[in-house]
N, C-alpha and C. Protein backbone atom coordinates (compact mmCIF):
# COMPACT_ATOMS: atom_id res chain seq x y z
N UNK A 1 3.83 83.21 52.26
CA UNK A 1 4.05 81.63 51.58
C UNK A 1 4.33 80.61 51.43
N UNK A 2 5.48 81.41 50.55
CA UNK A 2 7.11 80.88 50.38
C UNK A 2 7.69 80.39 51.44
N UNK A 3 7.42 80.90 52.66
CA UNK A 3 8.22 80.49 53.89
C UNK A 3 7.34 79.18 54.13
N UNK A 4 6.16 78.97 53.55
CA UNK A 4 5.14 78.12 54.38
C UNK A 4 6.15 77.18 53.38
N UNK A 5 6.27 77.13 51.96
CA UNK A 5 6.49 76.32 51.26
C UNK A 5 7.67 75.46 51.30
N UNK A 6 8.94 76.73 51.91
CA UNK A 6 9.90 76.01 51.81
C UNK A 6 10.60 75.23 53.19
N UNK A 7 9.15 75.23 54.56
CA UNK A 7 9.32 74.95 55.24
C UNK A 7 8.77 73.41 55.09
N UNK A 8 7.69 72.96 54.35
CA UNK A 8 7.16 71.85 54.64
C UNK A 8 7.66 70.68 53.56
N UNK A 9 8.83 71.80 52.42
CA UNK A 9 9.82 70.60 51.52
C UNK A 9 10.87 70.15 52.65
N UNK A 10 11.52 70.87 53.83
CA UNK A 10 12.60 70.63 54.14
C UNK A 10 11.71 69.55 55.67
N UNK A 11 10.48 69.60 56.09
CA UNK A 11 10.23 68.80 56.67
C UNK A 11 9.69 67.43 55.70
N UNK A 12 9.38 67.44 54.56
CA UNK A 12 9.40 66.08 53.90
C UNK A 12 10.83 65.41 53.59
N UNK A 13 11.73 66.25 53.79
CA UNK A 13 12.50 65.71 52.54
C UNK A 13 14.03 64.79 54.23
N UNK A 14 12.90 65.15 55.22
CA UNK A 14 13.58 64.97 56.64
C UNK A 14 12.99 63.35 57.09
N UNK A 15 11.63 63.41 56.33
CA UNK A 15 10.35 62.15 56.85
C UNK A 15 11.62 60.89 55.64
N UNK A 16 12.54 61.09 54.78
CA UNK A 16 12.99 60.46 53.60
C UNK A 16 14.04 59.38 53.75
N UNK A 17 13.78 58.53 54.32
CA UNK A 17 14.83 57.77 55.50
C UNK A 17 14.86 56.41 54.65
N UNK A 18 16.32 55.94 55.01
CA UNK A 18 16.32 54.61 53.78
C UNK A 18 16.41 53.77 55.28
N UNK A 19 15.39 52.60 54.80
CA UNK A 19 15.34 51.71 56.10
C UNK A 19 16.41 50.59 55.68
N UNK A 20 17.08 50.34 56.40
CA UNK A 20 18.05 49.45 57.37
C UNK A 20 17.93 47.93 56.09
N UNK A 21 18.32 47.11 55.45
CA UNK A 21 17.85 45.70 55.29
C UNK A 21 18.37 45.19 56.22
N UNK A 22 17.22 44.08 57.00
CA UNK A 22 16.84 43.04 57.59
C UNK A 22 17.98 41.82 57.51
N UNK A 23 18.04 41.63 59.20
CA UNK A 23 18.79 40.44 59.04
C UNK A 23 18.66 38.90 58.70
N UNK A 24 19.10 38.58 58.27
CA UNK A 24 18.67 37.54 57.90
C UNK A 24 18.07 36.31 59.18
N UNK A 25 18.53 36.46 59.82
CA UNK A 25 18.44 35.54 61.48
C UNK A 25 16.89 35.89 61.73
N UNK A 26 16.73 37.47 61.88
CA UNK A 26 15.22 37.93 62.67
C UNK A 26 14.29 36.91 61.23
N UNK A 27 14.48 37.07 60.13
CA UNK A 27 13.52 36.49 59.55
C UNK A 27 13.75 34.67 59.51
N UNK A 28 14.78 34.10 59.93
CA UNK A 28 14.63 32.77 60.24
C UNK A 28 13.58 33.07 61.40
N UNK A 29 14.04 33.35 62.45
CA UNK A 29 13.17 33.26 63.78
C UNK A 29 11.78 33.95 63.88
N UNK A 30 11.74 34.38 62.89
CA UNK A 30 10.31 34.97 62.20
C UNK A 30 9.45 33.69 62.02
N UNK A 31 10.01 33.13 60.98
CA UNK A 31 9.10 31.92 60.36
C UNK A 31 9.62 30.37 60.56
N UNK A 32 10.59 30.45 62.02
CA UNK A 32 11.19 29.42 62.74
C UNK A 32 11.92 28.18 61.15
N UNK A 33 12.62 28.99 60.14
CA UNK A 33 13.35 28.20 59.66
C UNK A 33 14.77 27.58 60.35
N UNK A 34 15.08 26.77 59.55
CA UNK A 34 16.62 26.12 60.27
C UNK A 34 17.62 26.22 59.42
N UNK A 35 18.38 27.29 59.35
CA UNK A 35 18.91 27.27 57.92
C UNK A 35 20.71 26.23 57.78
N UNK A 36 20.70 25.07 56.96
CA UNK A 36 21.76 24.58 57.08
C UNK A 36 23.01 25.21 56.66
N UNK A 37 23.73 24.98 57.43
CA UNK A 37 25.48 25.53 57.14
C UNK A 37 25.88 25.53 55.96
N UNK A 38 25.47 25.23 55.06
CA UNK A 38 26.14 25.14 53.50
C UNK A 38 25.56 26.39 52.58
N UNK A 39 24.14 26.84 53.27
CA UNK A 39 23.74 27.61 52.56
C UNK A 39 23.69 29.54 53.01
N UNK A 40 24.05 30.13 51.78
CA UNK A 40 24.64 31.07 51.29
C UNK A 40 23.12 32.58 51.35
N UNK A 41 23.27 33.30 52.39
CA UNK A 41 21.99 34.05 51.61
C UNK A 41 22.55 35.02 50.54
N UNK A 42 21.88 35.44 50.10
CA UNK A 42 21.80 36.34 48.63
C UNK A 42 21.09 37.51 49.11
N UNK A 43 19.56 37.53 49.52
CA UNK A 43 19.28 38.65 49.69
C UNK A 43 17.65 38.67 50.82
N UNK A 44 17.65 39.50 51.52
CA UNK A 44 16.83 39.49 52.80
C UNK A 44 15.82 40.75 52.47
N UNK A 45 14.53 40.86 52.66
CA UNK A 45 13.90 41.86 52.53
C UNK A 45 12.08 41.92 53.40
N UNK A 46 12.04 42.84 53.84
CA UNK A 46 10.93 42.98 54.89
C UNK A 46 10.22 44.13 54.55
N UNK A 47 8.82 43.86 54.34
CA UNK A 47 7.64 45.01 54.71
C UNK A 47 6.89 44.79 55.74
N UNK A 48 6.43 45.37 56.17
CA UNK A 48 5.01 45.47 56.94
C UNK A 48 3.75 46.60 56.74
N UNK A 49 3.08 45.75 56.44
CA UNK A 49 1.67 46.56 56.66
C UNK A 49 0.56 46.05 57.68
N UNK A 50 -0.59 45.89 57.39
CA UNK A 50 -1.21 45.14 58.55
C UNK A 50 -0.47 44.05 59.26
N UNK A 51 0.05 42.98 58.02
CA UNK A 51 0.45 42.05 58.28
C UNK A 51 2.43 42.03 58.22
N UNK A 52 2.96 41.08 58.55
CA UNK A 52 4.39 41.35 58.14
C UNK A 52 4.63 40.17 57.52
N UNK A 53 5.65 40.50 56.63
CA UNK A 53 6.23 39.75 55.63
C UNK A 53 7.81 39.93 55.30
N UNK A 54 8.81 38.34 55.39
CA UNK A 54 9.65 38.47 55.13
C UNK A 54 9.66 37.83 53.60
N UNK A 55 10.52 38.10 52.84
CA UNK A 55 11.44 37.23 51.54
C UNK A 55 12.63 36.77 51.47
N UNK A 56 13.60 35.71 51.74
CA UNK A 56 14.67 35.45 51.76
C UNK A 56 14.94 34.49 50.62
N UNK A 57 16.10 35.66 49.67
CA UNK A 57 16.63 34.40 48.98
C UNK A 57 17.74 34.03 48.73
N UNK A 58 18.38 32.33 48.90
CA UNK A 58 19.55 32.08 48.91
C UNK A 58 20.33 31.16 48.46
N UNK A 59 21.41 30.78 48.68
CA UNK A 59 21.35 29.32 47.23
C UNK A 59 22.01 28.54 48.50
N UNK A 60 21.36 27.07 47.97
CA UNK A 60 21.71 25.84 49.00
C UNK A 60 22.08 24.80 48.42
N UNK A 61 23.07 24.04 48.25
CA UNK A 61 23.03 22.43 47.19
C UNK A 61 21.66 22.06 47.11
N UNK A 62 21.14 21.63 46.54
CA UNK A 62 20.01 20.32 46.06
C UNK A 62 19.57 19.30 47.00
N UNK A 63 21.01 19.23 47.55
CA UNK A 63 20.67 17.61 48.67
C UNK A 63 20.59 18.47 50.15
N UNK A 64 20.98 19.62 49.98
CA UNK A 64 20.43 20.02 51.63
C UNK A 64 19.44 20.75 51.73
N UNK A 65 18.29 20.82 50.29
CA UNK A 65 16.92 21.43 50.45
C UNK A 65 15.98 20.50 51.27
N UNK A 66 16.19 19.08 51.15
CA UNK A 66 15.18 18.48 52.31
C UNK A 66 15.88 18.93 53.86
N UNK A 67 17.02 19.04 54.34
CA UNK A 67 17.94 18.93 55.30
C UNK A 67 16.97 20.35 55.89
N UNK A 68 16.73 21.31 54.99
CA UNK A 68 16.12 22.78 55.18
C UNK A 68 14.74 22.15 55.63
N UNK A 69 13.91 22.12 55.15
CA UNK A 69 12.76 21.54 54.99
C UNK A 69 12.58 21.19 56.33
N UNK A 70 13.06 19.22 56.98
CA UNK A 70 13.00 18.97 57.87
C UNK A 70 12.84 19.49 59.07
N UNK A 71 14.16 20.14 59.31
CA UNK A 71 14.91 21.18 60.32
C UNK A 71 14.04 22.15 60.97
N UNK A 72 13.26 22.90 59.32
CA UNK A 72 11.90 24.09 59.67
C UNK A 72 10.87 23.58 60.19
N UNK A 73 10.91 21.95 60.22
CA UNK A 73 9.34 21.14 60.78
C UNK A 73 8.40 21.23 59.30
N UNK A 74 8.31 21.41 58.31
CA UNK A 74 7.98 21.18 57.56
C UNK A 74 7.29 19.29 57.34
N UNK A 75 6.32 19.02 56.72
CA UNK A 75 5.56 17.60 56.51
C UNK A 75 6.97 17.11 55.55
N UNK A 76 7.18 16.06 55.36
CA UNK A 76 7.96 15.46 54.04
C UNK A 76 6.88 15.54 52.71
N UNK A 77 7.33 16.28 52.43
CA UNK A 77 7.45 16.65 50.36
C UNK A 77 6.19 17.65 50.46
N UNK A 78 6.18 18.43 51.63
CA UNK A 78 5.84 19.69 51.51
C UNK A 78 6.46 21.11 51.36
N UNK A 79 6.02 21.90 50.93
CA UNK A 79 6.72 23.27 50.49
C UNK A 79 5.97 24.04 50.67
N UNK A 80 4.72 23.90 51.12
CA UNK A 80 3.93 25.21 52.07
C UNK A 80 3.03 24.70 53.17
N UNK A 81 2.98 25.54 54.09
CA UNK A 81 2.41 25.34 54.94
C UNK A 81 2.46 26.53 55.92
N UNK A 82 2.09 26.16 57.49
CA UNK A 82 1.65 27.54 58.09
C UNK A 82 2.63 26.69 59.18
N UNK A 83 2.55 27.75 60.27
CA UNK A 83 3.29 27.00 61.82
C UNK A 83 2.53 28.13 63.09
N UNK A 84 2.99 27.55 64.18
CA UNK A 84 2.63 28.65 65.53
C UNK A 84 4.14 28.83 65.49
N UNK A 85 4.55 30.39 65.51
CA UNK A 85 5.94 30.50 65.81
C UNK A 85 5.67 31.65 66.60
N UNK A 86 6.36 31.67 67.80
CA UNK A 86 6.57 32.19 69.14
C UNK A 86 5.03 33.38 69.34
N UNK A 87 3.92 32.20 69.13
CA UNK A 87 2.19 32.58 69.67
C UNK A 87 2.05 32.91 68.55
N UNK A 88 2.41 33.40 66.70
CA UNK A 88 1.28 33.66 66.28
C UNK A 88 1.47 33.03 65.11
N UNK A 89 0.36 32.87 63.82
CA UNK A 89 0.68 31.53 62.71
C UNK A 89 1.50 32.41 61.10
N UNK A 90 2.35 31.83 61.18
CA UNK A 90 3.17 32.16 59.69
C UNK A 90 3.18 31.45 59.04
N UNK A 91 2.66 32.30 57.89
CA UNK A 91 2.32 31.18 56.83
C UNK A 91 3.85 31.30 55.63
N UNK A 92 4.34 30.24 55.46
CA UNK A 92 5.68 29.69 54.74
C UNK A 92 5.69 28.90 53.35
N UNK A 93 6.63 29.08 52.36
CA UNK A 93 6.31 28.73 51.35
C UNK A 93 7.92 28.94 50.82
N UNK A 94 8.35 28.42 50.18
CA UNK A 94 9.50 27.29 49.90
C UNK A 94 9.33 27.67 48.31
N UNK A 95 10.43 28.40 47.24
CA UNK A 95 10.06 28.17 46.18
C UNK A 95 11.27 27.51 45.44
N UNK A 96 12.06 26.85 44.80
CA UNK A 96 13.31 26.58 43.84
C UNK A 96 13.84 26.54 42.56
N UNK A 97 14.48 27.12 42.74
CA UNK A 97 14.64 26.99 41.20
C UNK A 97 16.15 26.98 41.06
N UNK A 98 16.69 25.95 40.65
CA UNK A 98 18.11 25.19 40.68
C UNK A 98 18.40 24.67 41.93
N UNK A 99 19.49 25.68 42.48
CA UNK A 99 20.50 25.99 43.93
C UNK A 99 19.65 27.18 44.42
N UNK A 100 18.91 27.93 44.15
CA UNK A 100 18.52 29.11 44.65
C UNK A 100 17.01 28.82 45.05
N UNK A 101 17.05 29.23 46.54
CA UNK A 101 16.31 28.41 47.20
C UNK A 101 15.06 30.29 47.93
N UNK A 102 13.67 30.29 47.75
CA UNK A 102 13.19 31.52 47.46
C UNK A 102 12.33 31.48 49.28
N UNK A 103 12.38 31.94 50.33
CA UNK A 103 11.62 31.88 51.36
C UNK A 103 10.15 33.49 51.79
N UNK A 104 8.97 32.81 51.89
CA UNK A 104 8.54 33.41 52.01
C UNK A 104 7.81 33.26 52.84
N UNK A 105 7.77 34.46 54.10
CA UNK A 105 6.88 33.84 55.49
C UNK A 105 6.99 35.55 55.55
N UNK A 106 5.13 34.69 56.27
CA UNK A 106 4.17 35.98 56.29
C UNK A 106 2.90 35.66 57.44
N UNK A 107 2.79 36.96 58.12
CA UNK A 107 1.34 36.90 58.87
C UNK A 107 0.22 37.20 58.26
N UNK A 108 -0.74 36.67 58.73
CA UNK A 108 -1.97 37.66 57.88
C UNK A 108 -3.83 37.36 59.15
């Protein structure tokens, strides 16, 4: 019995692998986002269950936020939409706090 428990513990520790952080470019492609050159990515997260979701936090001068939205095909004045990107429906939400921009990109 002890041998079985030791083998099980060894197998379970082998399953605990760290997931590599996603590249921001993957998130931008996934969500149809066109990032201005003045933007700096602070954090990128990815999770997947039934659906896929990226969260990208970036620093962007306030005057370049409209450029981000326009280049990413958001309608004027809209910061939440859905787009057909590479054959899948992606829901996109932009949240602003000063010069910090949070993009949430997900499928359902």
